[in-house]
Amino acid sequence: MSAYPHLSESLPQLATPDEVAPLLSMTPLGVVRQCRAGKIPGVKIAGRWLVHVRKLAEQLDGAPKPDIGGATPKIR
């Protein structure tokens, strides 16, 4: 079961950066930049980026989870 079911259930297999951005707390331009960098799975078709939603959900499932317990390191 995916930890990000809203990604794969609420969107089609391919989605625009505008559709994916709010789910990732990013701007559409940020999504495009991450696609170009290969950090978000996507494909450019006819000059427009489309995100592979299922691949993104799988990628996020494998991503390290943030440590929300314990002490927060101090930045000096």
C-alpha atoms as a PDB file:
ATOM      1  CA  MET A   1       0.000   0.000   0.000  1.00  0.00           C
ATOM      2  CA  SER A   2       1.376   3.374  -0.960  1.00  0.00           C
ATOM      3  CA  ALA A   3       2.105   5.980   1.671  1.00  0.00           C
ATOM      4  CA  TYR A   4       0.956   8.502  -0.948  1.00  0.00           C
ATOM      5  CA  PRO A   5      -2.382   7.066  -2.119  1.00  0.00           C
ATOM      6  CA  HIS A   6      -3.711  10.535  -2.982  1.00  0.00           C
ATOM      7  CA  LEU A   7      -1.136  10.770  -5.769  1.00  0.00           C
ATOM      8  CA  SER A   8      -2.081   7.614  -7.610  1.00  0.00           C
ATOM      9  CA  GLU A   9      -5.815   7.742  -6.864  1.00  0.00           C
ATOM     10  CA  SER A  10      -6.595  11.378  -7.584  1.00  0.00           C
ATOM     11  CA  LEU A  11      -4.629  11.777 -10.814  1.00  0.00           C
ATOM     12  CA  PRO A  12      -4.342   9.892 -14.096  1.00  0.00           C
ATOM     13  CA  GLN A  13      -1.176   7.978 -14.974  1.00  0.00           C
ATOM     14  CA  LEU A  14       0.330  11.160 -16.442  1.00  0.00           C
ATOM     15  CA  ALA A  15      -0.315  14.576 -14.927  1.00  0.00           C
ATOM     16  CA  THR A  16       0.754  18.130 -15.622  1.00  0.00           C
ATOM     17  CA  PRO A  17       3.071  19.996 -13.256  1.00  0.00           C
ATOM     18  CA  ASP A  18       0.070  22.204 -12.366  1.00  0.00           C
ATOM     19  CA  GLU A  19      -1.824  19.127 -11.134  1.00  0.00           C
ATOM     20  CA  VAL A  20       1.080  17.596  -9.210  1.00  0.00           C
ATOM     21  CA  ALA A  21       2.566  20.752  -7.649  1.00  0.00           C
ATOM     22  CA  PRO A  22      -0.020  21.274  -4.865  1.00  0.00           C
ATOM     23  CA  LEU A  23       0.299  17.649  -3.793  1.00  0.00           C
ATOM     24  CA  LEU A  24       4.063  18.070  -3.419  1.00  0.00           C
ATOM     25  CA  SER A  25       3.864  21.543  -1.844  1.00  0.00           C
ATOM     26  CA  MET A  26       5.797  22.921  -4.800  1.00  0.00           C
ATOM     27  CA  THR A  27       5.197  25.386  -7.590  1.00  0.00           C
ATOM     28  CA  PRO A  28       4.573  24.087 -11.119  1.00  0.00           C
ATOM     29  CA  LEU A  29       7.905  25.627 -12.168  1.00  0.00           C
ATOM     30  CA  GLY A  30       9.611  23.755  -9.339  1.00  0.00           C
ATOM     31  CA  VAL A  31       8.094  20.500 -10.599  1.00  0.00           C
ATOM     32  CA  VAL A  32       9.362  21.231 -14.137  1.00  0.00           C
ATOM     33  CA  ARG A  33      12.847  21.966 -12.797  1.00  0.00           C
ATOM     34  CA  GLN A  34      12.853  18.714 -10.846  1.00  0.00           C
ATOM     35  CA  CYS A  35      11.723  16.824 -13.976  1.00  0.00           C
ATOM     36  CA  ARG A  36      14.558  18.387 -15.991  1.00  0.00           C
ATOM     37  CA  ALA A  37      17.016  17.383 -13.274  1.00  0.00           C
ATOM     38  CA  GLY A  38      15.675  13.817 -13.276  1.00  0.00           C
ATOM     39  CA  LYS A  39      14.492  14.010  -9.669  1.00  0.00           C
ATOM     40  CA  ILE A  40      10.803  13.741 -10.576  1.00  0.00           C
ATOM     41  CA  PRO A  41       9.894  11.108 -13.187  1.00  0.00           C
ATOM     42  CA  GLY A  42       8.494  12.876 -16.191  1.00  0.00           C
ATOM     43  CA  VAL A  43       8.495  13.107 -19.935  1.00  0.00           C
ATOM     44  CA  LYS A  44       8.435  16.093 -22.263  1.00  0.00           C
ATOM     45  CA  ILE A  45       5.885  15.720 -25.051  1.00  0.00           C
ATOM     46  CA  ALA A  46       5.284  18.454 -27.625  1.00  0.00           C
ATOM     47  CA  GLY A  47       7.126  20.953 -25.445  1.00  0.00           C
ATOM     48  CA  ARG A  48       5.101  20.200 -22.294  1.00  0.00           C
ATOM     49  CA  TRP A  49       6.203  18.242 -19.246  1.00  0.00           C
ATOM     50  CA  LEU A  50       4.062  15.408 -17.916  1.00  0.00           C
ATOM     51  CA  VAL A  51       4.763  13.627 -14.644  1.00  0.00           C
ATOM     52  CA  HIS A  52       4.568   9.817 -14.313  1.00  0.00           C
ATOM     53  CA  VAL A  53       2.275   9.751 -11.269  1.00  0.00           C
ATOM     54  CA  ARG A  54       2.680   6.081 -10.315  1.00  0.00           C
ATOM     55  CA  LYS A  55       6.449   6.260 -10.656  1.00  0.00           C
ATOM     56  CA  LEU A  56       6.472   9.383  -8.508  1.00  0.00           C
ATOM     57  CA  ALA A  57       4.376   7.662  -5.815  1.00  0.00           C
ATOM     58  CA  GLU A  58       6.752   4.670  -5.882  1.00  0.00           C
ATOM     59  CA  GLN A  59       9.730   7.009  -5.662  1.00  0.00           C
ATOM     60  CA  LEU A  60       8.227   8.812  -2.675  1.00  0.00           C
ATOM     61  CA  ASP A  61       7.475   5.478  -0.970  1.00  0.00           C
ATOM     62  CA  GLY A  62      11.176   4.627  -1.203  1.00  0.00           C
ATOM     63  CA  ALA A  63      12.347   8.052  -0.025  1.00  0.00           C
ATOM     64  CA  PRO A  64      13.766   8.347   3.475  1.00  0.00           C
ATOM     65  CA  LYS A  65      11.131   9.527   5.901  1.00  0.00           C
ATOM     66  CA  PRO A  66      11.929  12.675   7.875  1.00  0.00           C
ATOM     67  CA  ASP A  67      12.767  12.092  11.524  1.00  0.00           C
ATOM     68  CA  ILE A  68       9.991  13.911  13.342  1.00  0.00           C
ATOM     69  CA  GLY A  69      10.959  12.689  16.795  1.00  0.00           C
ATOM     70  CA  GLY A  70      13.934  13.668  18.913  1.00  0.00           C
ATOM     71  CA  ALA A  71      15.919  16.841  19.193  1.00  0.00           C
ATOM     72  CA  THR A  72      16.166  19.353  16.386  1.00  0.00           C
ATOM     73  CA  PRO A  73      19.763  20.211  15.487  1.00  0.00           C
ATOM     74  CA  LYS A  74      20.719  23.817  16.137  1.00  0.00           C
ATOM     75  CA  ILE A  75      21.949  25.871  13.209  1.00  0.00           C
ATOM     76  CA  ARG A  76      24.780  28.249  14.073  1.00  0.00           C
END
